[in-house]
């Protein structure tokens, strides 16, 4: 019964072949520092199976199913997307294969080791059919241009999503690793005459507000349609206040067995999933709600989508 309960998840029900991969993972513990896994949309990704994200991809084929699904549904072919806190590029990849060759993706990651792994994966994807061009930058996006220090806690070995930009003037904690990083605003990174961003994803361990302040040129003119972001504190927060003050409607993101769920933050909501809380801020709630309300998991139908894209390009 415990095995059946463990397999009663969309990661297995909508991708049955992953059940075999999961069983093989149980029989063959990782022996190397890196392995190559294949994401549901066909892209290979080099992972570190000994840490949380890599282990999740190895076992279930995907990390943070709900956020990946929401990105897949909201982004259209030919659009531009930005991944802030790209890590090894897992969500950069779903952006690139949904936006397609006529789209564009910018991936930003400040940690030197993770950036090396990101560029390794991006180089592989850039040679694949149907991927958008991807620009990877080793930066910490913030509300200022210059330099800063990235703090890396001891838990980083188990969860490589925990590094964060230190507050200006703060001193690093004793015995914790930290390194110098270049900081930039999103406005400066993308430069003058910049096209609108269809989707911006932000996961930077508490620095989300500063990233948004550094994107003021986009935000104030309505140049970012959808923003998917992580927020550990319940709304209202400085981040949600900033977004609502600039015309965004905000929704909790969660998931059920048969698809993602978006619920307004204006009413109490009980989360069904255990991942860190993610939210959607959108200038077009009618569009986003209509797309998210559809049943099913589109990331597991990617093969058919890409086949249609190939046929349409001929």
C-alpha atoms as a PDB file:
ATOM      1  CA  UNK A   1       0.000   0.000   0.000  1.00  0.00           C
ATOM      2  CA  UNK A   2       2.882   2.361   0.752  1.00  0.00           C
ATOM      3  CA  UNK A   3       4.349   1.716  -2.710  1.00  0.00           C
ATOM      4  CA  UNK A   4       0.988   2.387  -4.358  1.00  0.00           C
ATOM      5  CA  UNK A   5       0.605   5.626  -2.415  1.00  0.00           C
ATOM      6  CA  UNK A   6       4.100   6.731  -3.415  1.00  0.00           C
ATOM      7  CA  UNK A   7       3.310   6.100  -7.081  1.00  0.00           C
ATOM      8  CA  UNK A   8      -0.097   7.826  -7.007  1.00  0.00           C
ATOM      9  CA  UNK A   9       1.442  11.077  -8.204  1.00  0.00           C
ATOM     10  CA  UNK A  10       1.147  12.887 -11.537  1.00  0.00           C
ATOM     11  CA  UNK A  11       4.904  12.404 -12.069  1.00  0.00           C
ATOM     12  CA  UNK A  12       4.206   8.680 -12.468  1.00  0.00           C
ATOM     13  CA  UNK A  13       0.570   8.498 -13.597  1.00  0.00           C
ATOM     14  CA  UNK A  14       1.108  10.855 -16.538  1.00  0.00           C
ATOM     15  CA  UNK A  15       4.550   9.468 -17.398  1.00  0.00           C
ATOM     16  CA  UNK A  16       4.362   5.726 -16.662  1.00  0.00           C
ATOM     17  CA  UNK A  17       7.881   5.076 -17.927  1.00  0.00           C
ATOM     18  CA  UNK A  18       9.106   7.068 -14.910  1.00  0.00           C
ATOM     19  CA  UNK A  19       7.929   4.223 -12.659  1.00  0.00           C
ATOM     20  CA  UNK A  20      10.594   1.975 -14.190  1.00  0.00           C
ATOM     21  CA  UNK A  21      13.190   4.717 -13.811  1.00  0.00           C
ATOM     22  CA  UNK A  22      12.203   5.158 -10.158  1.00  0.00           C
ATOM     23  CA  UNK A  23      12.574   1.438  -9.478  1.00  0.00           C
ATOM     24  CA  UNK A  24      15.982   1.419 -11.157  1.00  0.00           C
ATOM     25  CA  UNK A  25      17.000   4.368  -8.986  1.00  0.00           C
ATOM     26  CA  UNK A  26      16.101   2.376  -5.889  1.00  0.00           C
ATOM     27  CA  UNK A  27      18.107  -0.597  -7.140  1.00  0.00           C
ATOM     28  CA  UNK A  28      21.082   1.434  -8.342  1.00  0.00           C
ATOM     29  CA  UNK A  29      22.154   4.167  -5.912  1.00  0.00           C
ATOM     30  CA  UNK A  30      24.169   6.973  -7.544  1.00  0.00           C
ATOM     31  CA  UNK A  31      27.867   6.211  -7.810  1.00  0.00           C
ATOM     32  CA  UNK A  32      29.144   9.308  -9.585  1.00  0.00           C
ATOM     33  CA  UNK A  33      29.014  12.987  -8.711  1.00  0.00           C
ATOM     34  CA  UNK A  34      27.038  13.741 -11.875  1.00  0.00           C
ATOM     35  CA  UNK A  35      24.462  11.863 -13.922  1.00  0.00           C
ATOM     36  CA  UNK A  36      22.475  12.715 -17.024  1.00  0.00           C
ATOM     37  CA  UNK A  37      18.697  12.563 -16.749  1.00  0.00           C
ATOM     38  CA  UNK A  38      16.065  13.282 -19.396  1.00  0.00           C
ATOM     39  CA  UNK A  39      13.345  15.824 -18.716  1.00  0.00           C
ATOM     40  CA  UNK A  40       9.756  15.190 -19.879  1.00  0.00           C
ATOM     41  CA  UNK A  41      10.178  17.566 -22.840  1.00  0.00           C
ATOM     42  CA  UNK A  42      13.073  15.480 -24.162  1.00  0.00           C
ATOM     43  CA  UNK A  43      15.989  17.621 -22.998  1.00  0.00           C
ATOM     44  CA  UNK A  44      18.925  15.903 -21.272  1.00  0.00           C
ATOM     45  CA  UNK A  45      20.127  17.568 -18.098  1.00  0.00           C
ATOM     46  CA  UNK A  46      23.252  16.938 -16.082  1.00  0.00           C
ATOM     47  CA  UNK A  47      22.354  16.652 -12.407  1.00  0.00           C
ATOM     48  CA  UNK A  48      24.064  16.037  -9.097  1.00  0.00           C
ATOM     49  CA  UNK A  49      22.030  13.097  -7.704  1.00  0.00           C
ATOM     50  CA  UNK A  50      23.372  13.586  -4.187  1.00  0.00           C
ATOM     51  CA  UNK A  51      21.493  16.870  -3.570  1.00  0.00           C
ATOM     52  CA  UNK A  52      17.786  17.618  -3.359  1.00  0.00           C
ATOM     53  CA  UNK A  53      16.970  18.933  -6.843  1.00  0.00           C
ATOM     54  CA  UNK A  54      19.093  16.346  -8.627  1.00  0.00           C
ATOM     55  CA  UNK A  55      17.693  13.553  -6.487  1.00  0.00           C
ATOM     56  CA  UNK A  56      14.126  14.675  -7.251  1.00  0.00           C
ATOM     57  CA  UNK A  57      14.777  14.788 -11.007  1.00  0.00           C
ATOM     58  CA  UNK A  58      16.410  11.375 -10.843  1.00  0.00           C
ATOM     59  CA  UNK A  59      13.454   9.824  -9.000  1.00  0.00           C
ATOM     60  CA  UNK A  60      10.459  11.633 -10.514  1.00  0.00           C
ATOM     61  CA  UNK A  61      11.832  13.051 -13.759  1.00  0.00           C
ATOM     62  CA  UNK A  62      11.089  16.649 -12.785  1.00  0.00           C
ATOM     63  CA  UNK A  63      11.572  19.098  -9.928  1.00  0.00           C
ATOM     64  CA  UNK A  64       8.675  21.346  -8.859  1.00  0.00           C
ATOM     65  CA  UNK A  65       6.077  20.014 -11.295  1.00  0.00           C
ATOM     66  CA  UNK A  66       3.538  22.788 -10.630  1.00  0.00           C
ATOM     67  CA  UNK A  67       5.896  25.676 -11.436  1.00  0.00           C
ATOM     68  CA  UNK A  68       7.180  23.973 -14.578  1.00  0.00           C
ATOM     69  CA  UNK A  69       3.610  23.322 -15.712  1.00  0.00           C
ATOM     70  CA  UNK A  70       2.558  26.922 -15.113  1.00  0.00           C
ATOM     71  CA  UNK A  71       5.554  28.169 -17.108  1.00  0.00           C
ATOM     72  CA  UNK A  72       4.699  25.756 -19.925  1.00  0.00           C
ATOM     73  CA  UNK A  73       1.088  26.941 -20.044  1.00  0.00           C
ATOM     74  CA  UNK A  74       1.722  30.678 -19.847  1.00  0.00           C
ATOM     75  CA  UNK A  75       4.626  30.996 -22.278  1.00  0.00           C
ATOM     76  CA  UNK A  76       3.905  30.954 -26.018  1.00  0.00           C
ATOM     77  CA  UNK A  77       6.201  30.154 -28.954  1.00  0.00           C
ATOM     78  CA  UNK A  78       8.205  33.180 -30.041  1.00  0.00           C
ATOM     79  CA  UNK A  79       8.060  34.935 -26.663  1.00  0.00           C
ATOM     80  CA  UNK A  80      10.846  36.145 -24.369  1.00  0.00           C
ATOM     81  CA  UNK A  81      11.447  34.739 -20.883  1.00  0.00           C
ATOM     82  CA  UNK A  82      13.917  35.405 -18.058  1.00  0.00           C
ATOM     83  CA  UNK A  83      14.965  32.887 -15.391  1.00  0.00           C
ATOM     84  CA  UNK A  84      16.400  34.620 -12.293  1.00  0.00           C
ATOM     85  CA  UNK A  85      18.101  32.119  -9.998  1.00  0.00           C
ATOM     86  CA  UNK A  86      18.416  29.581 -12.792  1.00  0.00           C
ATOM     87  CA  UNK A  87      20.486  27.055 -10.811  1.00  0.00           C
ATOM     88  CA  UNK A  88      21.414  24.256 -13.274  1.00  0.00           C
ATOM     89  CA  UNK A  89      18.776  25.426 -15.753  1.00  0.00           C
ATOM     90  CA  UNK A  90      15.868  23.084 -15.127  1.00  0.00           C
ATOM     91  CA  UNK A  91      13.231  25.808 -15.644  1.00  0.00           C
ATOM     92  CA  UNK A  92      15.391  27.580 -18.218  1.00  0.00           C
ATOM     93  CA  UNK A  93      14.961  24.430 -20.271  1.00  0.00           C
ATOM     94  CA  UNK A  94      11.158  24.343 -20.150  1.00  0.00           C
ATOM     95  CA  UNK A  95      11.147  28.032 -21.155  1.00  0.00           C
ATOM     96  CA  UNK A  96      13.481  27.394 -24.085  1.00  0.00           C
ATOM     97  CA  UNK A  97      11.573  24.458 -25.511  1.00  0.00           C
ATOM     98  CA  UNK A  98       8.197  26.177 -25.155  1.00  0.00           C
ATOM     99  CA  UNK A  99       9.371  29.511 -26.607  1.00  0.00           C
ATOM    100  CA  UNK A 100      11.037  27.662 -29.478  1.00  0.00           C
ATOM    101  CA  UNK A 101      13.606  28.896 -32.009  1.00  0.00           C
ATOM    102  CA  UNK A 102      11.812  32.211 -32.546  1.00  0.00           C
ATOM    103  CA  UNK A 103      11.798  32.984 -28.819  1.00  0.00           C
ATOM    104  CA  UNK A 104      14.594  34.022 -26.458  1.00  0.00           C
ATOM    105  CA  UNK A 105      15.553  33.047 -22.917  1.00  0.00           C
ATOM    106  CA  UNK A 106      17.943  34.777 -20.517  1.00  0.00           C
ATOM    107  CA  UNK A 107      19.165  32.685 -17.574  1.00  0.00           C
ATOM    108  CA  UNK A 108      20.848  34.364 -14.594  1.00  0.00           C
ATOM    109  CA  UNK A 109      22.759  32.471 -11.888  1.00  0.00           C
ATOM    110  CA  UNK A 110      25.369  34.025  -9.528  1.00  0.00           C
ATOM    111  CA  UNK A 111      26.900  30.917  -7.889  1.00  0.00           C
ATOM    112  CA  UNK A 112      30.158  30.041  -9.724  1.00  0.00           C
ATOM    113  CA  UNK A 113      29.791  26.263  -9.496  1.00  0.00           C
ATOM    114  CA  UNK A 114      26.136  26.237 -10.466  1.00  0.00           C
ATOM    115  CA  UNK A 115      26.831  28.641 -13.312  1.00  0.00           C
ATOM    116  CA  UNK A 116      29.351  26.179 -14.754  1.00  0.00           C
ATOM    117  CA  UNK A 117      26.705  23.451 -14.653  1.00  0.00           C
ATOM    118  CA  UNK A 118      24.114  25.807 -16.132  1.00  0.00           C
ATOM    119  CA  UNK A 119      26.380  26.662 -19.076  1.00  0.00           C
ATOM    120  CA  UNK A 120      27.129  22.953 -19.610  1.00  0.00           C
ATOM    121  CA  UNK A 121      23.405  22.207 -19.914  1.00  0.00           C
ATOM    122  CA  UNK A 122      22.685  25.318 -22.008  1.00  0.00           C
ATOM    123  CA  UNK A 123      25.412  24.310 -24.463  1.00  0.00           C
ATOM    124  CA  UNK A 124      23.718  20.913 -24.936  1.00  0.00           C
ATOM    125  CA  UNK A 125      20.257  22.431 -25.411  1.00  0.00           C
ATOM    126  CA  UNK A 126      21.479  25.078 -27.839  1.00  0.00           C
ATOM    127  CA  UNK A 127      22.375  22.303 -30.289  1.00  0.00           C
ATOM    128  CA  UNK A 128      18.904  20.749 -30.100  1.00  0.00           C
ATOM    129  CA  UNK A 129      16.076  21.348 -32.533  1.00  0.00           C
ATOM    130  CA  UNK A 130      13.163  23.452 -31.214  1.00  0.00           C
ATOM    131  CA  UNK A 131      15.114  25.189 -28.437  1.00  0.00           C
ATOM    132  CA  UNK A 132      15.104  28.964 -28.139  1.00  0.00           C
ATOM    133  CA  UNK A 133      18.466  30.745 -28.041  1.00  0.00           C
ATOM    134  CA  UNK A 134      19.584  30.940 -24.394  1.00  0.00           C
ATOM    135  CA  UNK A 135      21.856  33.616 -22.955  1.00  0.00           C
ATOM    136  CA  UNK A 136      23.395  32.620 -19.594  1.00  0.00           C
ATOM    137  CA  UNK A 137      24.882  35.303 -17.337  1.00  0.00           C
ATOM    138  CA  UNK A 138      26.751  34.909 -14.055  1.00  0.00           C
ATOM    139  CA  UNK A 139      25.129  37.748 -12.131  1.00  0.00           C
ATOM    140  CA  UNK A 140      23.121  38.466  -9.011  1.00  0.00           C
ATOM    141  CA  UNK A 141      20.146  40.550 -10.096  1.00  0.00           C
ATOM    142  CA  UNK A 142      19.224  43.254  -7.603  1.00  0.00           C
ATOM    143  CA  UNK A 143      18.161  46.909  -7.387  1.00  0.00           C
ATOM    144  CA  UNK A 144      21.685  48.233  -7.941  1.00  0.00           C
ATOM    145  CA  UNK A 145      24.613  47.768 -10.272  1.00  0.00           C
ATOM    146  CA  UNK A 146      28.022  46.955  -8.842  1.00  0.00           C
ATOM    147  CA  UNK A 147      29.311  44.153  -6.659  1.00  0.00           C
ATOM    148  CA  UNK A 148      28.068  42.102  -3.752  1.00  0.00           C
ATOM    149  CA  UNK A 149      28.743  38.935  -1.795  1.00  0.00           C
ATOM    150  CA  UNK A 150      26.943  35.666  -2.176  1.00  0.00           C
ATOM    151  CA  UNK A 151      26.475  33.748   1.074  1.00  0.00           C
ATOM    152  CA  UNK A 152      26.434  29.944   0.864  1.00  0.00           C
ATOM    153  CA  UNK A 153      25.179  28.063   3.975  1.00  0.00           C
ATOM    154  CA  UNK A 154      26.406  24.655   5.135  1.00  0.00           C
ATOM    155  CA  UNK A 155      23.154  23.092   3.895  1.00  0.00           C
ATOM    156  CA  UNK A 156      24.123  23.969   0.319  1.00  0.00           C
ATOM    157  CA  UNK A 157      25.620  20.516  -0.178  1.00  0.00           C
ATOM    158  CA  UNK A 158      22.192  18.970   0.370  1.00  0.00           C
ATOM    159  CA  UNK A 159      20.169  21.737  -1.301  1.00  0.00           C
ATOM    160  CA  UNK A 160      21.990  23.830  -3.880  1.00  0.00           C
ATOM    161  CA  UNK A 161      19.207  26.367  -4.079  1.00  0.00           C
ATOM    162  CA  UNK A 162      20.058  28.067  -0.780  1.00  0.00           C
ATOM    163  CA  UNK A 163      22.750  30.598  -1.660  1.00  0.00           C
ATOM    164  CA  UNK A 164      21.647  34.221  -1.342  1.00  0.00           C
ATOM    165  CA  UNK A 165      22.929  37.734  -1.941  1.00  0.00           C
ATOM    166  CA  UNK A 166      23.935  39.408   1.306  1.00  0.00           C
ATOM    167  CA  UNK A 167      22.461  42.752   2.275  1.00  0.00           C
ATOM    168  CA  UNK A 168      24.654  45.747   1.458  1.00  0.00           C
ATOM    169  CA  UNK A 169      27.161  46.325   4.258  1.00  0.00           C
ATOM    170  CA  UNK A 170      26.467  42.991   5.989  1.00  0.00           C
ATOM    171  CA  UNK A 171      29.367  40.817   7.141  1.00  0.00           C
ATOM    172  CA  UNK A 172      29.472  37.115   6.300  1.00  0.00           C
ATOM    173  CA  UNK A 173      28.801  34.708   9.137  1.00  0.00           C
ATOM    174  CA  UNK A 174      31.874  32.921  10.509  1.00  0.00           C
ATOM    175  CA  UNK A 175      32.696  29.580   8.876  1.00  0.00           C
ATOM    176  CA  UNK A 176      30.261  30.139   5.999  1.00  0.00           C
ATOM    177  CA  UNK A 177      31.506  30.246   2.437  1.00  0.00           C
ATOM    178  CA  UNK A 178      30.933  33.485   0.548  1.00  0.00           C
ATOM    179  CA  UNK A 179      32.182  34.856  -2.734  1.00  0.00           C
ATOM    180  CA  UNK A 180      32.191  38.111  -4.672  1.00  0.00           C
ATOM    181  CA  UNK A 181      29.583  38.465  -7.413  1.00  0.00           C
ATOM    182  CA  UNK A 182      28.666  41.132  -9.911  1.00  0.00           C
ATOM    183  CA  UNK A 183      25.259  42.690  -9.338  1.00  0.00           C
ATOM    184  CA  UNK A 184      23.014  44.224 -11.955  1.00  0.00           C
ATOM    185  CA  UNK A 185      19.479  45.406 -12.420  1.00  0.00           C
ATOM    186  CA  UNK A 186      17.265  43.675 -14.942  1.00  0.00           C
ATOM    187  CA  UNK A 187      16.772  47.031 -16.670  1.00  0.00           C
ATOM    188  CA  UNK A 188      20.520  47.355 -17.235  1.00  0.00           C
ATOM    189  CA  UNK A 189      21.041  43.690 -18.137  1.00  0.00           C
ATOM    190  CA  UNK A 190      18.563  43.762 -21.002  1.00  0.00           C
ATOM    191  CA  UNK A 191      19.506  47.279 -22.077  1.00  0.00           C
ATOM    192  CA  UNK A 192      17.695  50.078 -23.911  1.00  0.00           C
ATOM    193  CA  UNK A 193      15.108  49.258 -26.543  1.00  0.00           C
ATOM    194  CA  UNK A 194      14.427  46.033 -24.704  1.00  0.00           C
ATOM    195  CA  UNK A 195      11.415  43.983 -25.824  1.00  0.00           C
ATOM    196  CA  UNK A 196       8.703  43.022 -23.386  1.00  0.00           C
ATOM    197  CA  UNK A 197       9.158  39.961 -21.186  1.00  0.00           C
ATOM    198  CA  UNK A 198       6.327  37.471 -21.456  1.00  0.00           C
ATOM    199  CA  UNK A 199       7.375  35.523 -18.355  1.00  0.00           C
ATOM    200  CA  UNK A 200       9.810  36.239 -15.540  1.00  0.00           C
ATOM    201  CA  UNK A 201      10.651  33.567 -12.965  1.00  0.00           C
ATOM    202  CA  UNK A 202      12.359  34.654  -9.733  1.00  0.00           C
ATOM    203  CA  UNK A 203      13.843  32.324  -7.116  1.00  0.00           C
ATOM    204  CA  UNK A 204      16.572  34.118  -5.190  1.00  0.00           C
ATOM    205  CA  UNK A 205      16.065  33.256  -1.522  1.00  0.00           C
ATOM    206  CA  UNK A 206      14.489  36.410  -0.167  1.00  0.00           C
ATOM    207  CA  UNK A 207      15.918  38.922  -2.652  1.00  0.00           C
ATOM    208  CA  UNK A 208      12.814  38.993  -4.862  1.00  0.00           C
ATOM    209  CA  UNK A 209      11.789  42.555  -3.972  1.00  0.00           C
ATOM    210  CA  UNK A 210      15.179  43.963  -4.939  1.00  0.00           C
ATOM    211  CA  UNK A 211      15.041  42.101  -8.257  1.00  0.00           C
ATOM    212  CA  UNK A 212      11.646  43.647  -8.991  1.00  0.00           C
ATOM    213  CA  UNK A 213      12.849  47.116  -7.976  1.00  0.00           C
ATOM    214  CA  UNK A 214      15.711  46.672 -10.437  1.00  0.00           C
ATOM    215  CA  UNK A 215      13.146  45.892 -13.134  1.00  0.00           C
ATOM    216  CA  UNK A 216      11.211  49.106 -12.527  1.00  0.00           C
ATOM    217  CA  UNK A 217      11.547  50.187 -16.137  1.00  0.00           C
ATOM    218  CA  UNK A 218       9.708  47.059 -17.214  1.00  0.00           C
ATOM    219  CA  UNK A 219       7.236  46.917 -14.348  1.00  0.00           C
ATOM    220  CA  UNK A 220       6.015  50.512 -14.512  1.00  0.00           C
ATOM    221  CA  UNK A 221       5.299  50.343 -18.252  1.00  0.00           C
ATOM    222  CA  UNK A 222       3.634  46.934 -18.092  1.00  0.00           C
ATOM    223  CA  UNK A 223       6.558  45.270 -19.834  1.00  0.00           C
ATOM    224  CA  UNK A 224       6.350  41.966 -17.938  1.00  0.00           C
ATOM    225  CA  UNK A 225       3.097  40.068 -18.409  1.00  0.00           C
ATOM    226  CA  UNK A 226       3.551  37.148 -15.985  1.00  0.00           C
ATOM    227  CA  UNK A 227       5.851  36.791 -12.970  1.00  0.00           C
ATOM    228  CA  UNK A 228       6.297  33.454 -11.171  1.00  0.00           C
ATOM    229  CA  UNK A 229       8.072  33.938  -7.861  1.00  0.00           C
ATOM    230  CA  UNK A 230       8.845  32.250  -4.556  1.00  0.00           C
ATOM    231  CA  UNK A 231       7.693  33.879  -1.309  1.00  0.00           C
ATOM    232  CA  UNK A 232       8.107  32.164   2.060  1.00  0.00           C
ATOM    233  CA  UNK A 233       5.961  34.581   4.055  1.00  0.00           C
ATOM    234  CA  UNK A 234       2.157  34.676   3.715  1.00  0.00           C
ATOM    235  CA  UNK A 235       0.737  37.732   1.915  1.00  0.00           C
ATOM    236  CA  UNK A 236       0.609  40.631   2.229  1.00  0.00           C
ATOM    237  CA  UNK A 237       4.372  41.099   1.962  1.00  0.00           C
ATOM    238  CA  UNK A 238       6.545  43.880   0.541  1.00  0.00           C
ATOM    239  CA  UNK A 239       6.779  41.831  -2.676  1.00  0.00           C
ATOM    240  CA  UNK A 240       3.032  41.351  -3.106  1.00  0.00           C
ATOM    241  CA  UNK A 241       2.373  44.976  -2.138  1.00  0.00           C
ATOM    242  CA  UNK A 242       4.870  46.174  -4.750  1.00  0.00           C
ATOM    243  CA  UNK A 243       3.299  44.024  -7.455  1.00  0.00           C
ATOM    244  CA  UNK A 244      -0.290  44.888  -6.604  1.00  0.00           C
ATOM    245  CA  UNK A 245       0.663  48.560  -6.552  1.00  0.00           C
ATOM    246  CA  UNK A 246       1.804  48.162 -10.150  1.00  0.00           C
ATOM    247  CA  UNK A 247      -1.406  46.551 -11.372  1.00  0.00           C
ATOM    248  CA  UNK A 248      -0.689  42.851 -10.934  1.00  0.00           C
ATOM    249  CA  UNK A 249      -3.231  40.289  -9.762  1.00  0.00           C
ATOM    250  CA  UNK A 250      -1.593  37.672  -7.526  1.00  0.00           C
ATOM    251  CA  UNK A 251      -2.445  33.998  -7.063  1.00  0.00           C
ATOM    252  CA  UNK A 252      -1.178  31.106  -4.985  1.00  0.00           C
ATOM    253  CA  UNK A 253       0.158  28.243  -7.084  1.00  0.00           C
ATOM    254  CA  UNK A 254      -0.552  24.695  -6.049  1.00  0.00           C
ATOM    255  CA  UNK A 255      -1.414  21.392  -7.645  1.00  0.00           C
ATOM    256  CA  UNK A 256      -3.856  18.506  -7.563  1.00  0.00           C
ATOM    257  CA  UNK A 257      -3.529  15.069  -9.129  1.00  0.00           C
ATOM    258  CA  UNK A 258      -5.045  16.349 -12.357  1.00  0.00           C
ATOM    259  CA  UNK A 259      -3.416  19.706 -12.844  1.00  0.00           C
ATOM    260  CA  UNK A 260      -2.154  22.973 -11.367  1.00  0.00           C
ATOM    261  CA  UNK A 261      -4.302  25.273  -9.249  1.00  0.00           C
ATOM    262  CA  UNK A 262      -4.242  29.076  -8.992  1.00  0.00           C
ATOM    263  CA  UNK A 263      -6.110  30.648  -6.062  1.00  0.00           C
ATOM    264  CA  UNK A 264      -6.447  34.359  -5.249  1.00  0.00           C
ATOM    265  CA  UNK A 265      -4.428  35.494  -2.240  1.00  0.00           C
ATOM    266  CA  UNK A 266      -7.460  37.448  -1.043  1.00  0.00           C
ATOM    267  CA  UNK A 267      -8.960  34.328   0.516  1.00  0.00           C
ATOM    268  CA  UNK A 268      -7.483  31.649   2.818  1.00  0.00           C
ATOM    269  CA  UNK A 269      -5.941  28.760   0.952  1.00  0.00           C
ATOM    270  CA  UNK A 270      -4.655  25.424   2.245  1.00  0.00           C
ATOM    271  CA  UNK A 271      -1.652  24.214   0.296  1.00  0.00           C
ATOM    272  CA  UNK A 272      -1.698  20.648  -1.001  1.00  0.00           C
ATOM    273  CA  UNK A 273       1.977  20.414  -1.944  1.00  0.00           C
ATOM    274  CA  UNK A 274       5.026  20.646   0.297  1.00  0.00           C
ATOM    275  CA  UNK A 275       7.395  22.647  -1.896  1.00  0.00           C
ATOM    276  CA  UNK A 276       8.282  26.238  -1.044  1.00  0.00           C
ATOM    277  CA  UNK A 277       5.299  28.533  -1.728  1.00  0.00           C
ATOM    278  CA  UNK A 278       5.179  29.873  -5.273  1.00  0.00           C
ATOM    279  CA  UNK A 279       2.958  32.616  -6.623  1.00  0.00           C
ATOM    280  CA  UNK A 280       1.867  34.047  -9.946  1.00  0.00           C
ATOM    281  CA  UNK A 281       1.597  37.795 -10.525  1.00  0.00           C
ATOM    282  CA  UNK A 282      -0.069  38.642 -13.821  1.00  0.00           C
ATOM    283  CA  UNK A 283      -1.296  41.642 -15.768  1.00  0.00           C
ATOM    284  CA  UNK A 284      -3.750  39.391 -17.626  1.00  0.00           C
ATOM    285  CA  UNK A 285      -5.575  37.249 -15.050  1.00  0.00           C
ATOM    286  CA  UNK A 286      -8.295  36.200 -17.504  1.00  0.00           C
ATOM    287  CA  UNK A 287      -5.678  34.683 -19.801  1.00  0.00           C
ATOM    288  CA  UNK A 288      -3.672  33.006 -17.062  1.00  0.00           C
ATOM    289  CA  UNK A 289      -6.678  31.637 -15.180  1.00  0.00           C
ATOM    290  CA  UNK A 290      -8.119  30.172 -18.359  1.00  0.00           C
ATOM    291  CA  UNK A 291      -4.870  28.390 -19.129  1.00  0.00           C
ATOM    292  CA  UNK A 292      -4.174  27.141 -15.620  1.00  0.00           C
ATOM    293  CA  UNK A 293      -7.731  25.849 -15.149  1.00  0.00           C
ATOM    294  CA  UNK A 294      -7.325  23.207 -17.870  1.00  0.00           C
ATOM    295  CA  UNK A 295      -7.053  19.669 -16.537  1.00  0.00           C
ATOM    296  CA  UNK A 296      -3.989  17.567 -17.194  1.00  0.00           C
ATOM    297  CA  UNK A 297      -0.247  18.116 -17.267  1.00  0.00           C
ATOM    298  CA  UNK A 298       1.028  19.647 -20.491  1.00  0.00           C
ATOM    299  CA  UNK A 299       4.696  18.980 -19.732  1.00  0.00           C
ATOM    300  CA  UNK A 300       3.967  15.284 -20.237  1.00  0.00           C
ATOM    301  CA  UNK A 301       2.521  15.937 -23.716  1.00  0.00           C
ATOM    302  CA  UNK A 302       5.542  17.826 -24.940  1.00  0.00           C
ATOM    303  CA  UNK A 303       6.458  15.253 -27.575  1.00  0.00           C
ATOM    304  CA  UNK A 304       3.217  15.905 -29.447  1.00  0.00           C
ATOM    305  CA  UNK A 305       3.672  19.675 -29.081  1.00  0.00           C
ATOM    306  CA  UNK A 306       7.210  19.602 -30.483  1.00  0.00           C
ATOM    307  CA  UNK A 307       6.138  17.313 -33.330  1.00  0.00           C
ATOM    308  CA  UNK A 308       3.470  19.842 -34.320  1.00  0.00           C
ATOM    309  CA  UNK A 309       6.066  22.631 -34.093  1.00  0.00           C
ATOM    310  CA  UNK A 310       8.433  20.727 -36.406  1.00  0.00           C
ATOM    311  CA  UNK A 311       5.682  20.004 -38.911  1.00  0.00           C
ATOM    312  CA  UNK A 312       4.517  23.612 -38.830  1.00  0.00           C
ATOM    313  CA  UNK A 313       7.999  24.883 -39.626  1.00  0.00           C
ATOM    314  CA  UNK A 314       8.305  22.860 -42.819  1.00  0.00           C
END
